[in-house]
Amino acid sequence: WGDTFSGDGRHGIVLGYGDSGCLDWSVQLTGAGDDRFTDLTSDGSQLFVTGRIEQALMVGGATLLSGAQLDTGVVVALSPTLEPSWIRALGTAACTSGCPVTLDPARPWLALSGSYAGTVHLRAPLASAGLDDGFVALLAR
């Protein structure tokens, strides 16, 4: 996984390599702004990617989130066929310092942490107390 660059900003790409070291598949995470994807993990069937997007998020040509002033942290779940299973927007300017994600295969949740300025939307909106604030969350997968 990593970032790609184009005339309209930074985008994400996830690459899958086979045992021989050859590229087996790829999926692009693009949008109309400067997007950063910071972590990924898998439970063996779904792939979970976290990051921060501006303005829109497109996966495989389908627009999943859009808005003129959208600036939010996201978690994207990709199915084994690399189609989006679900997406969760985390709120205005969430994940300003990245969102590490991990999971326990025996439990049905993702553990996510990061920092935010503005408002993070977890179970209920949580407004920042000033500069960047931190959060730790469990999201159902």
N, C-alpha and C. Protein backbone atom coordinates (compact mmCIF):
# COMPACT_ATOMS: atom_id res chain seq x y z
N TRP A 1 0.85 -1.18 0.00
CA TRP A 1 0.00 0.00 0.00
C TRP A 1 0.88 1.22 0.00
N GLY A 2 0.30 2.34 -0.41
CA GLY A 2 1.09 3.55 -0.45
C GLY A 2 0.34 4.67 -1.13
N ASP A 3 1.04 5.74 -1.43
CA ASP A 3 0.44 6.90 -2.06
C ASP A 3 0.87 6.98 -3.51
N THR A 4 -0.02 7.52 -4.35
CA THR A 4 0.31 7.87 -5.72
C THR A 4 0.02 9.35 -5.88
N PHE A 5 0.63 9.97 -6.85
CA PHE A 5 0.45 11.40 -7.05
C PHE A 5 -0.09 11.66 -8.44
N SER A 6 -0.99 12.65 -8.54
CA SER A 6 -1.49 13.09 -9.84
C SER A 6 -1.68 14.60 -9.75
N GLY A 7 -2.17 15.20 -10.82
CA GLY A 7 -2.34 16.64 -10.86
C GLY A 7 -3.32 17.18 -9.83
N ASP A 8 -4.22 16.34 -9.33
CA ASP A 8 -5.21 16.82 -8.36
C ASP A 8 -4.92 16.37 -6.94
N GLY A 9 -3.72 15.93 -6.65
CA GLY A 9 -3.37 15.60 -5.27
C GLY A 9 -2.82 14.19 -5.10
N ARG A 10 -2.80 13.76 -3.85
CA ARG A 10 -2.26 12.47 -3.45
C ARG A 10 -3.42 11.49 -3.32
N HIS A 11 -3.19 10.24 -3.74
CA HIS A 11 -4.20 9.20 -3.68
C HIS A 11 -3.59 7.93 -3.12
N GLY A 12 -4.40 6.93 -2.85
CA GLY A 12 -3.89 5.68 -2.29
C GLY A 12 -3.97 4.54 -3.28
N ILE A 13 -3.12 3.57 -3.08
CA ILE A 13 -3.15 2.35 -3.87
C ILE A 13 -2.79 1.19 -2.95
N VAL A 14 -3.51 0.08 -3.09
CA VAL A 14 -3.22 -1.14 -2.34
C VAL A 14 -2.85 -2.20 -3.38
N LEU A 15 -1.70 -2.84 -3.18
CA LEU A 15 -1.20 -3.85 -4.11
C LEU A 15 -1.13 -5.20 -3.42
N GLY A 16 -1.50 -6.24 -4.14
CA GLY A 16 -1.40 -7.60 -3.62
C GLY A 16 -0.44 -8.42 -4.47
N TYR A 17 0.55 -9.02 -3.81
CA TYR A 17 1.55 -9.82 -4.50
C TYR A 17 1.39 -11.29 -4.14
N GLY A 18 1.61 -12.15 -5.12
CA GLY A 18 1.53 -13.59 -4.91
C GLY A 18 2.82 -14.13 -4.33
N ASP A 19 2.86 -15.44 -4.08
CA ASP A 19 4.03 -16.09 -3.51
C ASP A 19 5.27 -15.94 -4.39
N SER A 20 5.09 -15.80 -5.69
CA SER A 20 6.22 -15.67 -6.61
C SER A 20 6.78 -14.25 -6.64
N GLY A 21 6.10 -13.32 -5.96
CA GLY A 21 6.55 -11.94 -5.94
C GLY A 21 5.97 -11.10 -7.06
N CYS A 22 5.11 -11.69 -7.88
CA CYS A 22 4.47 -10.96 -8.97
C CYS A 22 3.18 -10.30 -8.48
N LEU A 23 2.88 -9.16 -9.08
CA LEU A 23 1.66 -8.43 -8.73
C LEU A 23 0.44 -9.25 -9.13
N ASP A 24 -0.44 -9.53 -8.16
CA ASP A 24 -1.68 -10.28 -8.43
C ASP A 24 -2.87 -9.35 -8.63
N TRP A 25 -2.92 -8.27 -7.87
CA TRP A 25 -4.07 -7.36 -7.95
C TRP A 25 -3.70 -6.00 -7.41
N SER A 26 -4.54 -5.02 -7.73
CA SER A 26 -4.37 -3.67 -7.18
C SER A 26 -5.73 -3.01 -7.11
N VAL A 27 -5.88 -2.09 -6.20
CA VAL A 27 -7.09 -1.28 -6.10
C VAL A 27 -6.65 0.14 -5.76
N GLN A 28 -7.23 1.10 -6.50
CA GLN A 28 -6.89 2.50 -6.27
C GLN A 28 -7.96 3.16 -5.42
N LEU A 29 -7.54 3.98 -4.49
CA LEU A 29 -8.41 4.79 -3.63
C LEU A 29 -8.13 6.24 -4.04
N THR A 30 -9.07 6.85 -4.74
CA THR A 30 -8.83 8.18 -5.30
C THR A 30 -9.90 9.15 -4.87
N GLY A 31 -9.67 10.40 -5.15
CA GLY A 31 -10.63 11.44 -4.84
C GLY A 31 -10.23 12.72 -5.54
N ALA A 32 -10.94 13.79 -5.22
CA ALA A 32 -10.70 15.08 -5.87
C ALA A 32 -9.72 15.95 -5.09
N GLY A 33 -9.20 15.46 -4.00
CA GLY A 33 -8.30 16.27 -3.18
C GLY A 33 -7.05 15.52 -2.82
N ASP A 34 -6.43 15.94 -1.75
CA ASP A 34 -5.21 15.34 -1.25
C ASP A 34 -5.59 14.30 -0.20
N ASP A 35 -5.49 13.04 -0.54
CA ASP A 35 -5.92 11.94 0.32
C ASP A 35 -4.70 11.18 0.83
N ARG A 36 -4.78 10.73 2.08
CA ARG A 36 -3.68 9.97 2.67
C ARG A 36 -4.24 8.73 3.34
N PHE A 37 -3.67 7.60 3.01
CA PHE A 37 -4.07 6.35 3.63
C PHE A 37 -2.88 5.87 4.45
N THR A 38 -3.15 5.57 5.73
CA THR A 38 -2.07 5.42 6.68
C THR A 38 -1.86 4.01 7.21
N ASP A 39 -2.86 3.13 7.10
CA ASP A 39 -2.68 1.80 7.67
C ASP A 39 -3.66 0.84 7.03
N LEU A 40 -3.36 -0.44 7.13
CA LEU A 40 -4.28 -1.47 6.67
C LEU A 40 -4.05 -2.73 7.48
N THR A 41 -5.10 -3.56 7.52
CA THR A 41 -5.02 -4.86 8.16
C THR A 41 -6.06 -5.75 7.49
N SER A 42 -5.97 -7.04 7.71
CA SER A 42 -6.91 -7.98 7.12
C SER A 42 -7.32 -9.01 8.15
N ASP A 43 -8.56 -9.49 8.03
CA ASP A 43 -9.01 -10.58 8.88
C ASP A 43 -9.03 -11.90 8.12
N GLY A 44 -8.43 -11.93 6.94
CA GLY A 44 -8.39 -13.14 6.13
C GLY A 44 -9.43 -13.13 5.02
N SER A 45 -10.49 -12.34 5.19
CA SER A 45 -11.48 -12.23 4.13
C SER A 45 -11.69 -10.79 3.69
N GLN A 46 -11.67 -9.87 4.62
CA GLN A 46 -11.80 -8.46 4.28
C GLN A 46 -10.48 -7.74 4.55
N LEU A 47 -10.27 -6.67 3.78
CA LEU A 47 -9.11 -5.81 3.95
C LEU A 47 -9.63 -4.47 4.46
N PHE A 48 -9.05 -3.95 5.56
CA PHE A 48 -9.49 -2.69 6.16
C PHE A 48 -8.39 -1.65 5.96
N VAL A 49 -8.75 -0.52 5.36
CA VAL A 49 -7.80 0.55 5.05
C VAL A 49 -8.27 1.82 5.76
N THR A 50 -7.36 2.53 6.42
CA THR A 50 -7.70 3.76 7.11
C THR A 50 -6.92 4.93 6.52
N GLY A 51 -7.48 6.10 6.68
CA GLY A 51 -6.79 7.30 6.21
C GLY A 51 -7.64 8.54 6.36
N ARG A 52 -7.29 9.54 5.57
CA ARG A 52 -7.96 10.83 5.60
C ARG A 52 -8.19 11.28 4.17
N ILE A 53 -9.39 11.76 3.87
CA ILE A 53 -9.72 12.19 2.51
C ILE A 53 -10.22 13.62 2.50
N GLU A 54 -10.10 14.25 1.34
CA GLU A 54 -10.67 15.57 1.09
C GLU A 54 -11.64 15.44 -0.08
N GLN A 55 -12.80 16.02 0.03
CA GLN A 55 -13.77 16.21 -1.05
C GLN A 55 -14.49 14.96 -1.53
N ALA A 56 -13.83 13.83 -1.76
CA ALA A 56 -14.52 12.65 -2.27
C ALA A 56 -13.64 11.42 -2.08
N LEU A 57 -14.25 10.24 -2.10
CA LEU A 57 -13.51 8.99 -2.10
C LEU A 57 -14.12 8.09 -3.15
N MET A 58 -13.28 7.65 -4.08
CA MET A 58 -13.71 6.72 -5.12
C MET A 58 -12.86 5.47 -5.02
N VAL A 59 -13.53 4.32 -5.07
CA VAL A 59 -12.84 3.03 -5.07
C VAL A 59 -13.36 2.27 -6.28
N GLY A 60 -12.43 1.91 -7.16
CA GLY A 60 -12.82 1.17 -8.36
C GLY A 60 -13.81 1.92 -9.23
N GLY A 61 -13.75 3.24 -9.25
CA GLY A 61 -14.64 4.04 -10.09
C GLY A 61 -15.95 4.42 -9.43
N ALA A 62 -16.30 3.83 -8.30
CA ALA A 62 -17.54 4.17 -7.60
C ALA A 62 -17.27 5.24 -6.55
N THR A 63 -18.07 6.31 -6.55
CA THR A 63 -17.94 7.36 -5.55
C THR A 63 -18.64 6.90 -4.28
N LEU A 64 -17.90 6.82 -3.18
CA LEU A 64 -18.45 6.35 -1.92
C LEU A 64 -18.81 7.50 -0.99
N LEU A 65 -18.01 8.54 -0.98
CA LEU A 65 -18.27 9.71 -0.15
C LEU A 65 -17.97 10.93 -1.00
N SER A 66 -18.76 11.99 -0.83
CA SER A 66 -18.43 13.23 -1.53
C SER A 66 -19.02 14.40 -0.78
N GLY A 67 -18.44 15.56 -0.98
CA GLY A 67 -18.90 16.79 -0.37
C GLY A 67 -17.88 17.88 -0.62
N ALA A 68 -18.33 19.06 -0.91
CA ALA A 68 -17.43 20.14 -1.30
C ALA A 68 -16.38 20.42 -0.24
N GLN A 69 -16.73 20.36 1.04
CA GLN A 69 -15.79 20.67 2.10
C GLN A 69 -15.47 19.44 2.95
N LEU A 70 -15.68 18.26 2.41
CA LEU A 70 -15.42 17.04 3.15
C LEU A 70 -13.93 16.94 3.48
N ASP A 71 -13.61 16.74 4.70
CA ASP A 71 -12.23 16.55 5.16
C ASP A 71 -12.36 15.63 6.36
N THR A 72 -12.22 14.34 6.16
CA THR A 72 -12.58 13.39 7.19
C THR A 72 -11.65 12.18 7.21
N GLY A 73 -11.55 11.58 8.37
CA GLY A 73 -10.91 10.28 8.48
C GLY A 73 -11.89 9.22 8.00
N VAL A 74 -11.38 8.13 7.44
CA VAL A 74 -12.23 7.07 6.93
C VAL A 74 -11.65 5.70 7.27
N VAL A 75 -12.54 4.73 7.34
CA VAL A 75 -12.18 3.32 7.36
C VAL A 75 -12.95 2.69 6.21
N VAL A 76 -12.25 2.00 5.32
CA VAL A 76 -12.86 1.34 4.17
C VAL A 76 -12.62 -0.16 4.31
N ALA A 77 -13.69 -0.95 4.19
CA ALA A 77 -13.57 -2.41 4.19
C ALA A 77 -13.74 -2.89 2.76
N LEU A 78 -12.77 -3.66 2.28
CA LEU A 78 -12.82 -4.22 0.93
C LEU A 78 -13.06 -5.72 1.01
N SER A 79 -13.97 -6.21 0.17
CA SER A 79 -14.30 -7.64 0.13
C SER A 79 -13.19 -8.42 -0.57
N PRO A 80 -13.27 -9.75 -0.57
CA PRO A 80 -12.26 -10.55 -1.29
C PRO A 80 -12.19 -10.24 -2.79
N THR A 81 -13.27 -9.70 -3.35
CA THR A 81 -13.26 -9.31 -4.77
C THR A 81 -12.84 -7.85 -4.94
N LEU A 82 -12.36 -7.23 -3.85
CA LEU A 82 -11.86 -5.85 -3.82
C LEU A 82 -12.94 -4.81 -4.03
N GLU A 83 -14.18 -5.20 -3.82
CA GLU A 83 -15.29 -4.25 -3.84
C GLU A 83 -15.46 -3.70 -2.43
N PRO A 84 -15.88 -2.44 -2.29
CA PRO A 84 -16.11 -1.90 -0.95
C PRO A 84 -17.27 -2.63 -0.25
N SER A 85 -17.01 -3.18 0.93
CA SER A 85 -18.06 -3.81 1.74
C SER A 85 -18.80 -2.75 2.54
N TRP A 86 -18.03 -1.82 3.13
CA TRP A 86 -18.60 -0.70 3.86
C TRP A 86 -17.53 0.37 4.04
N ILE A 87 -18.00 1.56 4.37
CA ILE A 87 -17.10 2.68 4.63
C ILE A 87 -17.64 3.43 5.84
N ARG A 88 -16.74 3.93 6.64
CA ARG A 88 -17.14 4.69 7.82
C ARG A 88 -16.38 6.02 7.81
N ALA A 89 -17.12 7.12 7.71
CA ALA A 89 -16.52 8.45 7.82
C ALA A 89 -16.42 8.77 9.30
N LEU A 90 -15.27 9.27 9.73
CA LEU A 90 -15.02 9.50 11.15
C LEU A 90 -15.25 10.93 11.59
N GLY A 91 -15.46 11.85 10.67
CA GLY A 91 -15.77 13.21 11.08
C GLY A 91 -14.80 14.24 10.55
N THR A 92 -15.14 15.46 10.76
CA THR A 92 -14.37 16.59 10.24
C THR A 92 -12.95 16.56 10.75
N ALA A 93 -12.03 16.49 9.84
CA ALA A 93 -10.60 16.54 10.13
C ALA A 93 -10.15 15.47 11.13
N ALA A 94 -10.87 14.37 11.20
CA ALA A 94 -10.42 13.27 12.07
C ALA A 94 -9.16 12.66 11.48
N CYS A 95 -8.39 12.00 12.28
CA CYS A 95 -7.18 11.30 11.86
C CYS A 95 -6.15 12.25 11.27
N THR A 96 -5.97 13.39 11.91
CA THR A 96 -4.98 14.33 11.38
C THR A 96 -3.57 13.78 11.49
N SER A 97 -3.34 12.81 12.37
CA SER A 97 -1.99 12.25 12.47
C SER A 97 -1.96 10.77 12.10
N GLY A 98 -2.96 10.32 11.37
CA GLY A 98 -2.99 8.91 10.97
C GLY A 98 -3.86 8.10 11.88
N CYS A 99 -4.35 7.00 11.37
CA CYS A 99 -5.25 6.13 12.12
C CYS A 99 -4.74 4.70 12.06
N PRO A 100 -3.87 4.29 12.98
CA PRO A 100 -3.47 2.89 13.01
C PRO A 100 -4.68 2.01 13.31
N VAL A 101 -4.76 0.87 12.66
CA VAL A 101 -5.89 -0.04 12.84
C VAL A 101 -5.35 -1.44 13.11
N THR A 102 -6.02 -2.16 14.00
CA THR A 102 -5.65 -3.54 14.28
C THR A 102 -6.92 -4.31 14.60
N LEU A 103 -6.84 -5.61 14.63
CA LEU A 103 -8.01 -6.41 14.97
C LEU A 103 -7.60 -7.66 15.70
N ASP A 104 -8.55 -8.21 16.41
CA ASP A 104 -8.42 -9.51 17.06
C ASP A 104 -9.32 -10.45 16.26
N PRO A 105 -8.77 -11.44 15.56
CA PRO A 105 -9.60 -12.32 14.72
C PRO A 105 -10.72 -13.01 15.49
N ALA A 106 -10.58 -13.15 16.80
CA ALA A 106 -11.61 -13.82 17.60
C ALA A 106 -12.75 -12.89 17.99
N ARG A 107 -12.60 -11.58 17.73
CA ARG A 107 -13.63 -10.62 18.13
C ARG A 107 -14.11 -9.85 16.91
N PRO A 108 -15.36 -9.41 16.92
CA PRO A 108 -15.92 -8.75 15.73
C PRO A 108 -15.71 -7.24 15.69
N TRP A 109 -14.51 -6.77 16.02
CA TRP A 109 -14.28 -5.33 15.98
C TRP A 109 -12.88 -4.97 15.53
N LEU A 110 -12.76 -3.73 15.09
CA LEU A 110 -11.48 -3.13 14.74
C LEU A 110 -11.10 -2.15 15.83
N ALA A 111 -9.86 -2.13 16.22
CA ALA A 111 -9.37 -1.12 17.16
C ALA A 111 -8.69 -0.04 16.34
N LEU A 112 -9.05 1.20 16.59
CA LEU A 112 -8.60 2.33 15.80
C LEU A 112 -8.19 3.46 16.74
N SER A 113 -7.10 4.14 16.42
CA SER A 113 -6.70 5.28 17.23
C SER A 113 -6.17 6.38 16.33
N GLY A 114 -6.16 7.59 16.83
CA GLY A 114 -5.64 8.70 16.05
C GLY A 114 -5.83 10.01 16.78
N SER A 115 -5.62 11.08 16.06
CA SER A 115 -5.87 12.40 16.63
C SER A 115 -6.78 13.16 15.68
N TYR A 116 -7.42 14.19 16.20
CA TYR A 116 -8.36 14.96 15.39
C TYR A 116 -8.43 16.39 15.88
N ALA A 117 -8.85 17.25 14.98
CA ALA A 117 -9.20 18.62 15.31
C ALA A 117 -10.55 18.83 14.66
N GLY A 118 -11.45 19.46 15.31
CA GLY A 118 -12.82 19.58 14.79
C GLY A 118 -13.70 18.63 15.57
N THR A 119 -14.37 17.72 14.87
CA THR A 119 -15.28 16.78 15.51
C THR A 119 -15.03 15.39 14.97
N VAL A 120 -14.94 14.42 15.85
CA VAL A 120 -14.86 13.02 15.45
C VAL A 120 -16.22 12.40 15.74
N HIS A 121 -16.69 11.57 14.79
CA HIS A 121 -18.01 10.93 14.92
C HIS A 121 -17.81 9.45 15.18
N LEU A 122 -17.96 9.07 16.44
CA LEU A 122 -17.86 7.67 16.79
C LEU A 122 -19.26 7.21 17.17
N ARG A 123 -19.56 6.92 18.39
CA ARG A 123 -20.93 6.59 18.77
C ARG A 123 -21.79 7.85 18.75
N ALA A 124 -21.19 8.97 19.12
CA ALA A 124 -21.83 10.29 19.08
C ALA A 124 -20.74 11.30 18.72
N PRO A 125 -21.11 12.46 18.18
CA PRO A 125 -20.08 13.46 17.86
C PRO A 125 -19.32 13.89 19.11
N LEU A 126 -18.00 14.02 18.96
CA LEU A 126 -17.15 14.46 20.05
C LEU A 126 -16.30 15.61 19.54
N ALA A 127 -16.55 16.81 20.08
CA ALA A 127 -15.85 18.01 19.63
C ALA A 127 -14.48 18.11 20.28
N SER A 128 -13.52 18.60 19.52
CA SER A 128 -12.18 18.82 20.03
C SER A 128 -12.20 19.87 21.12
N ALA A 129 -11.34 19.72 22.11
CA ALA A 129 -11.26 20.70 23.20
C ALA A 129 -10.28 21.83 22.88
N GLY A 130 -9.67 21.79 21.71
CA GLY A 130 -8.71 22.84 21.36
C GLY A 130 -7.93 22.45 20.14
N LEU A 131 -6.66 22.20 20.30
CA LEU A 131 -5.82 21.80 19.18
C LEU A 131 -6.15 20.35 18.81
N ASP A 132 -5.18 19.52 18.54
CA ASP A 132 -5.46 18.11 18.25
C ASP A 132 -5.75 17.36 19.54
N ASP A 133 -6.77 16.53 19.50
CA ASP A 133 -7.12 15.65 20.61
C ASP A 133 -6.99 14.21 20.12
N GLY A 134 -6.83 13.27 21.04
CA GLY A 134 -6.69 11.87 20.66
C GLY A 134 -7.97 11.10 20.87
N PHE A 135 -8.08 9.97 20.17
CA PHE A 135 -9.21 9.07 20.38
C PHE A 135 -8.75 7.63 20.20
N VAL A 136 -9.46 6.72 20.86
CA VAL A 136 -9.32 5.30 20.69
C VAL A 136 -10.74 4.79 20.53
N ALA A 137 -10.98 3.95 19.51
CA ALA A 137 -12.35 3.49 19.23
C ALA A 137 -12.34 2.03 18.82
N LEU A 138 -13.43 1.36 19.10
CA LEU A 138 -13.68 0.01 18.60
C LEU A 138 -14.83 0.12 17.61
N LEU A 139 -14.63 -0.34 16.39
CA LEU A 139 -15.66 -0.30 15.35
C LEU A 139 -16.05 -1.73 15.02
N ALA A 140 -17.35 -1.98 14.91
CA ALA A 140 -17.83 -3.30 14.50
C ALA A 140 -17.42 -3.55 13.07
N ARG A 141 -16.99 -4.80 12.78
CA ARG A 141 -16.64 -5.11 11.40
C ARG A 141 -17.63 -6.04 10.88
